[in-house]
Amino acid sequence: MIGVRLKEIRKEKKMTLKELAEGAGVSISFLSQVERGKSSVTLESLRKISEVLGVNPSTFFPSNNEPVSGPSFHYQDLTQQVPNPDFHPILVTLPANQSDGQPFAHSGHEFVYVIEGTLTLQIGTKMIELQQGESWFFSASETHYWYNHTDQTIRFLVVSSR
């Protein structure tokens, strides 16, 4: 689903795979695989691609608010398809022992609230462990990422501003 929508938007913007790949800092082959449904995309990559295309990341989520899953995540867009929201809430589910991914940065701020489990949040070089019911607010311009170093599935809310 994400790949089909990505290709549609890229074509609408009259952008080549090469132009989008260079702007988003990913490889052409990766983008091609995503568009063909052969590879999943992380939220990090989706955010970079969205910025280059000039669209909100929610554009890639199904309009019926169904969750998007991949091998290492489960995202559910909570914007209810409001066009150009000032902030973007996403419900994230990470399976046990999920530590794939690279820290990234983007504009705006980010708020993380743990609904279930123990989340390890990396901001810059600092590792913060958040328990159920705890939250963290930070500048998204600092490199950051989240991990599940436990043997339990975790669920948390991420709210990003533009």
Protein backbone atom coordinates (compact mmCIF):
# COMPACT_ATOMS: atom_id res chain seq x y z
CA MET A 1 0.00 0.00 0.00
CA ILE A 2 2.71 2.51 0.95
CA GLY A 3 4.70 1.67 -2.19
CA VAL A 4 1.79 2.20 -4.54
CA ARG A 5 0.95 5.54 -2.96
CA LEU A 6 4.63 6.57 -2.98
CA LYS A 7 4.90 5.90 -6.71
CA GLU A 8 1.66 7.80 -7.41
CA ILE A 9 2.86 10.89 -5.53
CA ARG A 10 6.34 10.75 -7.03
CA LYS A 11 4.85 10.59 -10.54
CA GLU A 12 2.41 13.45 -9.74
CA LYS A 13 5.39 15.56 -8.65
CA LYS A 14 7.23 14.55 -11.87
CA MET A 15 10.16 13.33 -9.81
CA THR A 16 12.51 10.52 -10.80
CA LEU A 17 13.58 7.75 -8.46
CA LYS A 18 17.07 9.23 -8.57
CA GLU A 19 15.90 12.72 -7.53
CA LEU A 20 13.81 11.37 -4.67
CA ALA A 21 16.55 8.99 -3.51
CA GLU A 22 19.17 11.76 -3.45
CA GLY A 23 16.87 14.15 -1.59
CA ALA A 24 15.83 11.56 0.99
CA GLY A 25 19.30 10.09 1.44
CA VAL A 26 18.30 6.57 0.43
CA SER A 27 19.30 4.38 -2.50
CA ILE A 28 17.44 4.19 -5.79
CA SER A 29 17.18 0.42 -5.45
CA PHE A 30 15.61 0.79 -1.98
CA LEU A 31 12.96 3.20 -3.32
CA SER A 32 12.26 0.91 -6.26
CA GLN A 33 11.79 -2.05 -3.92
CA VAL A 34 9.45 -0.04 -1.68
CA GLU A 35 7.37 1.04 -4.66
CA ARG A 36 7.09 -2.58 -5.84
CA GLY A 37 6.21 -3.86 -2.35
CA LYS A 38 9.46 -5.83 -2.11
CA SER A 39 10.80 -3.88 0.88
CA SER A 40 9.21 -2.22 3.88
CA VAL A 41 9.97 1.33 4.89
CA THR A 42 10.80 2.60 8.36
CA LEU A 43 9.13 5.67 9.82
CA GLU A 44 12.54 7.35 9.58
CA SER A 45 12.74 6.77 5.80
CA LEU A 46 9.08 7.61 5.29
CA ARG A 47 9.56 10.95 7.04
CA LYS A 48 12.55 11.82 4.83
CA ILE A 49 10.69 10.79 1.68
CA SER A 50 7.66 12.84 2.77
CA GLU A 51 9.78 15.94 3.29
CA VAL A 52 11.29 15.67 -0.20
CA LEU A 53 7.86 15.13 -1.76
CA GLY A 54 6.36 17.97 0.29
CA VAL A 55 3.60 15.82 1.80
CA ASN A 56 2.61 14.76 5.29
CA PRO A 57 3.66 11.19 6.20
CA SER A 58 -0.02 10.40 6.88
CA THR A 59 -0.53 10.57 3.10
CA PHE A 60 0.97 7.08 2.89
CA PHE A 61 -1.37 5.51 5.41
CA PRO A 62 -4.70 3.99 4.36
CA SER A 63 -7.58 6.44 4.53
CA ASN A 64 -9.65 4.00 6.60
CA ASN A 65 -7.20 4.32 9.51
CA GLU A 66 -5.97 0.73 9.16
CA PRO A 67 -2.53 0.09 10.67
CA VAL A 68 0.57 -0.32 8.52
CA SER A 69 2.84 -3.21 9.42
CA GLY A 70 6.33 -4.30 8.53
CA PRO A 71 8.76 -6.88 9.78
CA SER A 72 9.85 -4.76 12.73
CA PHE A 73 7.00 -2.39 13.47
CA HIS A 74 3.28 -1.70 13.43
CA TYR A 75 2.21 1.93 12.89
CA GLN A 76 -1.28 3.31 13.10
CA ASP A 77 -1.85 6.85 11.89
CA LEU A 78 -4.23 8.64 14.27
CA THR A 79 -4.77 11.85 12.26
CA GLN A 80 -8.01 10.51 10.79
CA GLN A 81 -6.76 11.90 7.47
CA VAL A 82 -7.04 15.54 8.51
CA PRO A 83 -5.20 17.38 5.72
CA ASN A 84 -1.95 19.13 6.72
CA PRO A 85 -2.25 18.74 10.50
CA ASP A 86 0.03 20.83 12.72
CA PHE A 87 1.00 17.68 14.58
CA HIS A 88 1.02 14.00 13.67
CA PRO A 89 0.01 11.31 16.21
CA ILE A 90 1.06 7.72 15.50
CA LEU A 91 0.48 4.62 17.60
CA VAL A 92 3.57 2.39 17.36
CA THR A 93 3.83 -1.26 18.34
CA LEU A 94 7.31 -2.80 18.55
CA PRO A 95 7.75 -6.54 18.99
CA ALA A 96 10.04 -8.01 21.61
CA ASN A 97 13.79 -7.41 21.22
CA GLN A 98 13.39 -4.92 18.38
CA SER A 99 16.57 -2.89 18.12
CA ASP A 100 16.85 -2.32 14.36
CA GLY A 101 17.01 1.21 13.00
CA GLN A 102 19.28 4.20 12.96
CA PRO A 103 18.78 7.46 14.85
CA PHE A 104 17.50 10.31 12.69
CA ALA A 105 16.50 13.94 13.07
CA HIS A 106 13.83 16.14 11.55
CA SER A 107 12.26 19.52 12.13
CA GLY A 108 9.81 20.24 14.93
CA HIS A 109 9.28 18.56 18.28
CA GLU A 110 8.30 15.09 19.34
CA PHE A 111 6.32 13.72 22.26
CA VAL A 112 6.49 10.02 23.22
CA TYR A 113 4.07 8.37 25.68
CA VAL A 114 4.43 4.70 26.65
CA ILE A 115 1.10 2.87 26.76
CA GLU A 116 2.42 -0.62 27.46
CA GLY A 117 5.88 -2.04 28.20
CA THR A 118 9.32 -0.47 28.57
CA LEU A 119 10.65 1.70 25.76
CA THR A 120 14.29 2.66 25.30
CA LEU A 121 14.47 6.10 23.73
CA GLN A 122 17.75 7.34 22.31
CA ILE A 123 18.18 11.10 22.02
CA GLY A 124 21.65 12.08 20.85
CA THR A 125 24.00 9.90 22.87
CA LYS A 126 21.59 9.63 25.82
CA MET A 127 19.55 6.45 26.37
CA ILE A 128 16.33 6.95 28.33
CA GLU A 129 14.21 4.09 29.60
CA LEU A 130 10.51 4.91 29.78
CA GLN A 131 8.02 2.70 31.63
CA GLN A 132 4.31 2.40 31.04
CA GLY A 133 2.63 5.76 31.72
CA GLU A 134 5.85 7.78 31.30
CA SER A 135 6.52 10.31 28.56
CA TRP A 136 9.27 12.43 27.03
CA PHE A 137 9.16 15.67 25.03
CA PHE A 138 12.16 16.80 22.97
CA SER A 139 13.39 18.74 19.96
CA ALA A 140 13.21 16.43 16.95
CA SER A 141 16.26 18.20 15.50
CA GLU A 142 18.30 16.02 17.90
CA THR A 143 19.01 12.57 16.48
CA HIS A 144 16.64 10.08 18.05
CA TYR A 145 15.20 6.59 17.76
CA TRP A 146 13.30 4.07 19.87
CA TYR A 147 14.04 0.47 20.74
CA ASN A 148 12.47 -2.47 22.52
CA HIS A 149 15.18 -4.29 24.49
CA THR A 150 12.65 -6.41 26.39
CA ASP A 151 11.00 -9.76 25.72
CA GLN A 152 7.54 -8.14 25.65
CA THR A 153 5.74 -6.24 22.89
CA ILE A 154 5.51 -2.52 23.62
CA ARG A 155 3.03 0.12 22.48
CA PHE A 156 3.60 3.84 22.54
CA LEU A 157 2.22 7.06 21.12
CA VAL A 158 4.47 9.36 19.10
CA VAL A 159 3.26 12.88 18.37
CA SER A 160 5.43 14.92 16.00
CA SER A 161 4.98 18.55 15.11
CA ARG A 162 5.80 19.90 11.69
